[in-house]
Amino acid sequence: MLIIQRVLLLNHLHLFNRVEGTDNGILRINR
């Protein structure tokens, strides 16, 4: 369970960095 949680967190951070300053609005809505 912890491993899955960690992977999800890393994925979230990666996506956030990927669309940094581009789809900020979409990320905010998703959050």
N, C-alpha and C. Protein backbone atom coordinates (compact mmCIF):
# COMPACT_ATOMS: atom_id res chain seq x y z
N MET A 1 0.84 -1.20 0.00
CA MET A 1 0.00 0.00 0.00
C MET A 1 0.88 1.26 0.00
N LEU A 2 1.91 1.27 0.85
CA LEU A 2 2.78 2.45 0.92
C LEU A 2 3.47 2.70 -0.41
N ILE A 3 3.90 1.61 -1.06
CA ILE A 3 4.60 1.76 -2.35
C ILE A 3 3.66 2.41 -3.37
N ILE A 4 2.41 1.93 -3.43
CA ILE A 4 1.44 2.49 -4.38
C ILE A 4 1.23 3.97 -4.10
N GLN A 5 1.08 4.31 -2.81
CA GLN A 5 0.87 5.71 -2.44
C GLN A 5 2.05 6.57 -2.89
N ARG A 6 3.24 6.05 -2.71
CA ARG A 6 4.45 6.79 -3.09
C ARG A 6 4.49 7.01 -4.59
N VAL A 7 4.15 5.97 -5.35
CA VAL A 7 4.15 6.08 -6.82
C VAL A 7 3.14 7.14 -7.26
N LEU A 8 1.95 7.11 -6.64
CA LEU A 8 0.93 8.09 -7.00
C LEU A 8 1.43 9.50 -6.70
N LEU A 9 2.07 9.68 -5.57
CA LEU A 9 2.59 10.99 -5.19
C LEU A 9 3.63 11.45 -6.21
N LEU A 10 4.54 10.54 -6.58
CA LEU A 10 5.57 10.90 -7.56
C LEU A 10 4.93 11.26 -8.90
N ASN A 11 3.91 10.50 -9.29
CA ASN A 11 3.22 10.79 -10.55
C ASN A 11 2.59 12.17 -10.51
N HIS A 12 1.95 12.49 -9.38
CA HIS A 12 1.30 13.79 -9.22
C HIS A 12 2.33 14.91 -9.34
N LEU A 13 3.46 14.75 -8.68
CA LEU A 13 4.51 15.78 -8.73
C LEU A 13 5.04 15.92 -10.15
N HIS A 14 5.22 14.80 -10.83
CA HIS A 14 5.74 14.83 -12.19
C HIS A 14 4.78 15.58 -13.11
N LEU A 15 3.49 15.27 -12.98
CA LEU A 15 2.49 15.95 -13.81
C LEU A 15 2.47 17.44 -13.51
N PHE A 16 2.56 17.78 -12.22
CA PHE A 16 2.54 19.19 -11.83
C PHE A 16 3.73 19.93 -12.45
N ASN A 17 4.89 19.31 -12.41
CA ASN A 17 6.09 19.93 -12.98
C ASN A 17 5.98 20.01 -14.50
N ARG A 18 5.33 19.03 -15.08
CA ARG A 18 5.22 18.96 -16.54
C ARG A 18 4.39 20.12 -17.09
N VAL A 19 3.29 20.41 -16.41
CA VAL A 19 2.40 21.47 -16.89
C VAL A 19 2.52 22.71 -16.00
N GLU A 20 3.73 22.98 -15.58
CA GLU A 20 3.96 24.13 -14.71
C GLU A 20 3.74 25.43 -15.47
N GLY A 21 2.80 26.26 -14.98
CA GLY A 21 2.56 27.55 -15.61
C GLY A 21 1.81 27.44 -16.93
N THR A 22 1.24 26.27 -17.22
CA THR A 22 0.49 26.12 -18.47
C THR A 22 -0.98 25.83 -18.18
N ASP A 23 -1.24 24.66 -17.62
CA ASP A 23 -2.61 24.29 -17.27
C ASP A 23 -2.79 24.40 -15.76
N ASN A 24 -2.33 25.50 -15.20
CA ASN A 24 -2.43 25.69 -13.75
C ASN A 24 -3.89 25.70 -13.33
N GLY A 25 -4.75 26.32 -14.14
CA GLY A 25 -6.17 26.38 -13.81
C GLY A 25 -6.77 24.98 -13.75
N ILE A 26 -6.43 24.14 -14.73
CA ILE A 26 -6.98 22.78 -14.77
C ILE A 26 -6.52 22.01 -13.54
N LEU A 27 -5.23 22.16 -13.18
CA LEU A 27 -4.72 21.45 -12.01
C LEU A 27 -5.46 21.90 -10.76
N ARG A 28 -5.74 23.19 -10.68
CA ARG A 28 -6.44 23.72 -9.50
C ARG A 28 -7.83 23.12 -9.42
N ILE A 29 -8.51 23.01 -10.57
CA ILE A 29 -9.87 22.43 -10.59
C ILE A 29 -9.80 20.96 -10.16
N ASN A 30 -8.82 20.24 -10.71
CA ASN A 30 -8.68 18.83 -10.35
C ASN A 30 -8.42 18.66 -8.86
N ARG A 31 -7.65 19.58 -8.31
CA ARG A 31 -7.32 19.49 -6.90
C ARG A 31 -8.56 19.75 -6.06
